C-alpha atoms as a PDB file:
ATOM      1  CA  UNK A   1     -27.269   8.892  22.783  1.00  0.00           C
ATOM      2  CA  UNK A   2     -25.264   6.568  25.000  1.00  0.00           C
ATOM      3  CA  UNK A   3     -26.238   3.557  22.867  1.00  0.00           C
ATOM      4  CA  UNK A   4     -24.728   5.157  19.789  1.00  0.00           C
ATOM      5  CA  UNK A   5     -21.604   6.086  21.729  1.00  0.00           C
ATOM      6  CA  UNK A   6     -21.244   2.533  23.045  1.00  0.00           C
ATOM      7  CA  UNK A   7     -21.600   1.207  19.492  1.00  0.00           C
ATOM      8  CA  UNK A   8     -18.835   3.526  18.275  1.00  0.00           C
ATOM      9  CA  UNK A   9     -16.552   2.479  21.123  1.00  0.00           C
ATOM     10  CA  UNK A  10     -17.172  -1.213  20.384  1.00  0.00           C
ATOM     11  CA  UNK A  11     -16.567  -0.618  16.677  1.00  0.00           C
ATOM     12  CA  UNK A  12     -13.282   1.085  17.497  1.00  0.00           C
ATOM     13  CA  UNK A  13     -12.250  -1.768  19.793  1.00  0.00           C
ATOM     14  CA  UNK A  14     -13.084  -4.278  17.068  1.00  0.00           C
ATOM     15  CA  UNK A  15     -10.939  -2.382  14.580  1.00  0.00           C
ATOM     16  CA  UNK A  16      -8.186  -2.117  17.164  1.00  0.00           C
ATOM     17  CA  UNK A  17      -8.261  -5.869  17.792  1.00  0.00           C
ATOM     18  CA  UNK A  18      -8.086  -6.675  14.102  1.00  0.00           C
ATOM     19  CA  UNK A  19      -5.237  -4.232  13.609  1.00  0.00           C
ATOM     20  CA  UNK A  20      -3.291  -5.714  16.509  1.00  0.00           C
ATOM     21  CA  UNK A  21      -3.892  -9.218  15.176  1.00  0.00           C
ATOM     22  CA  UNK A  22      -2.691  -8.169  11.731  1.00  0.00           C
ATOM     23  CA  UNK A  23       0.463  -6.611  13.141  1.00  0.00           C
ATOM     24  CA  UNK A  24       1.218  -9.601  15.365  1.00  0.00           C
ATOM     25  CA  UNK A  25       0.683 -12.093  12.538  1.00  0.00           C
ATOM     26  CA  UNK A  26       3.025 -10.267  10.175  1.00  0.00           C
ATOM     27  CA  UNK A  27       5.569  -9.508  12.896  1.00  0.00           C
ATOM     28  CA  UNK A  28       5.790 -13.079  14.176  1.00  0.00           C
ATOM     29  CA  UNK A  29       6.019 -14.468  10.648  1.00  0.00           C
ATOM     30  CA  UNK A  30       8.811 -12.027   9.795  1.00  0.00           C
ATOM     31  CA  UNK A  31      10.656 -12.791  13.049  1.00  0.00           C
ATOM     32  CA  UNK A  32      10.469 -16.534  12.445  1.00  0.00           C
ATOM     33  CA  UNK A  33      11.681 -16.083   8.899  1.00  0.00           C
ATOM     34  CA  UNK A  34      14.612 -13.942  10.001  1.00  0.00           C
ATOM     35  CA  UNK A  35      15.702 -16.562  12.522  1.00  0.00           C
ATOM     36  CA  UNK A  36      15.299 -19.348   9.962  1.00  0.00           C
ATOM     37  CA  UNK A  37      17.281 -17.574   7.262  1.00  0.00           C
ATOM     38  CA  UNK A  38      20.020 -16.762   9.765  1.00  0.00           C
ATOM     39  CA  UNK A  39      20.268 -20.416  10.773  1.00  0.00           C
ATOM     40  CA  UNK A  40      20.358 -21.558   7.146  1.00  0.00           C
ATOM     41  CA  UNK A  41      23.214 -19.239   6.209  1.00  0.00           C
ATOM     42  CA  UNK A  42      25.086 -19.962   9.449  1.00  0.00           C
ATOM     43  CA  UNK A  43      24.892 -23.684   8.707  1.00  0.00           C
ATOM     44  CA  UNK A  44      26.095 -23.066   5.141  1.00  0.00           C
ATOM     45  CA  UNK A  45      29.072 -21.035   6.357  1.00  0.00           C
ATOM     46  CA  UNK A  46      30.002 -23.667   8.944  1.00  0.00           C
ATOM     47  CA  UNK A  47      29.717 -26.555   6.508  1.00  0.00           C
ATOM     48  CA  UNK A  48      31.736 -24.712   3.862  1.00  0.00           C
ATOM     49  CA  UNK A  49      34.421 -23.946   6.431  1.00  0.00           C
ATOM     50  CA  UNK A  50      34.606 -27.619   7.410  1.00  0.00           C
ATOM     51  CA  UNK A  51      34.480 -29.054   3.882  1.00  0.00           C
ATOM     52  CA  UNK A  52      35.178 -26.465   1.181  1.00  0.00           C
ATOM     53  CA  UNK A  53      34.856 -29.080  -1.577  1.00  0.00           C
ATOM     54  CA  UNK A  54      31.188 -29.710  -0.650  1.00  0.00           C
ATOM     55  CA  UNK A  55      30.219 -26.082  -1.189  1.00  0.00           C
ATOM     56  CA  UNK A  56      28.979 -26.684  -4.734  1.00  0.00           C
ATOM     57  CA  UNK A  57      26.654 -29.480  -3.605  1.00  0.00           C
ATOM     58  CA  UNK A  58      25.298 -27.515  -0.653  1.00  0.00           C
ATOM     59  CA  UNK A  59      24.560 -24.228  -2.398  1.00  0.00           C
ATOM     60  CA  UNK A  60      21.361 -25.364  -4.232  1.00  0.00           C
ATOM     61  CA  UNK A  61      20.026 -26.858  -1.002  1.00  0.00           C
ATOM     62  CA  UNK A  62      20.730 -23.584   0.770  1.00  0.00           C
ATOM     63  CA  UNK A  63      18.727 -21.593  -1.780  1.00  0.00           C
ATOM     64  CA  UNK A  64      15.809 -24.041  -1.646  1.00  0.00           C
ATOM     65  CA  UNK A  65      15.779 -23.748   2.143  1.00  0.00           C
ATOM     66  CA  UNK A  66      15.969 -19.971   1.859  1.00  0.00           C
ATOM     67  CA  UNK A  67      13.001 -19.848  -0.527  1.00  0.00           C
ATOM     68  CA  UNK A  68      10.879 -22.159   1.610  1.00  0.00           C
ATOM     69  CA  UNK A  69      11.698 -20.180   4.731  1.00  0.00           C
ATOM     70  CA  UNK A  70      10.805 -16.899   3.040  1.00  0.00           C
ATOM     71  CA  UNK A  71       7.436 -18.384   2.055  1.00  0.00           C
ATOM     72  CA  UNK A  72       6.485 -18.296   5.743  1.00  0.00           C
ATOM     73  CA  UNK A  73       6.113 -14.515   5.500  1.00  0.00           C
ATOM     74  CA  UNK A  74       3.617 -14.904   2.684  1.00  0.00           C
ATOM     75  CA  UNK A  75       1.613 -17.447   4.696  1.00  0.00           C
ATOM     76  CA  UNK A  76       1.601 -14.972   7.574  1.00  0.00           C
ATOM     77  CA  UNK A  77       0.482 -12.195   5.225  1.00  0.00           C
ATOM     78  CA  UNK A  78      -2.370 -14.281   3.834  1.00  0.00           C
ATOM     79  CA  UNK A  79      -3.456 -15.295   7.326  1.00  0.00           C
ATOM     80  CA  UNK A  80      -3.279 -11.709   8.536  1.00  0.00           C
ATOM     81  CA  UNK A  81      -5.314 -10.445   5.583  1.00  0.00           C
ATOM     82  CA  UNK A  82      -7.912 -13.136   6.208  1.00  0.00           C
ATOM     83  CA  UNK A  83      -8.024 -12.077   9.847  1.00  0.00           C
ATOM     84  CA  UNK A  84      -8.333  -8.427   8.889  1.00  0.00           C
ATOM     85  CA  UNK A  85     -10.931  -8.778   6.151  1.00  0.00           C
ATOM     86  CA  UNK A  86     -13.076 -11.756   7.157  1.00  0.00           C
ATOM     87  CA  UNK A  87     -13.261 -11.584  10.950  1.00  0.00           C
END
């Protein structure tokens, strides 16, 4: 009886560890993305305030940087799903 109980406790701890890993992976990826997007838009606002005529040239670069920074969340999601499903 105690062997079966120990197995259930270990199974629950394994599930708990995977769930915590999933949450940490997604949370850290989202936090990093939020900081990155904030820095991108802050830099765009500062550069537009300094040189308003360069705004048209900087806007496409801003959106490319935004898209690449947002892709970090998807990498975190894929890594977290791999952690959850394969480990």
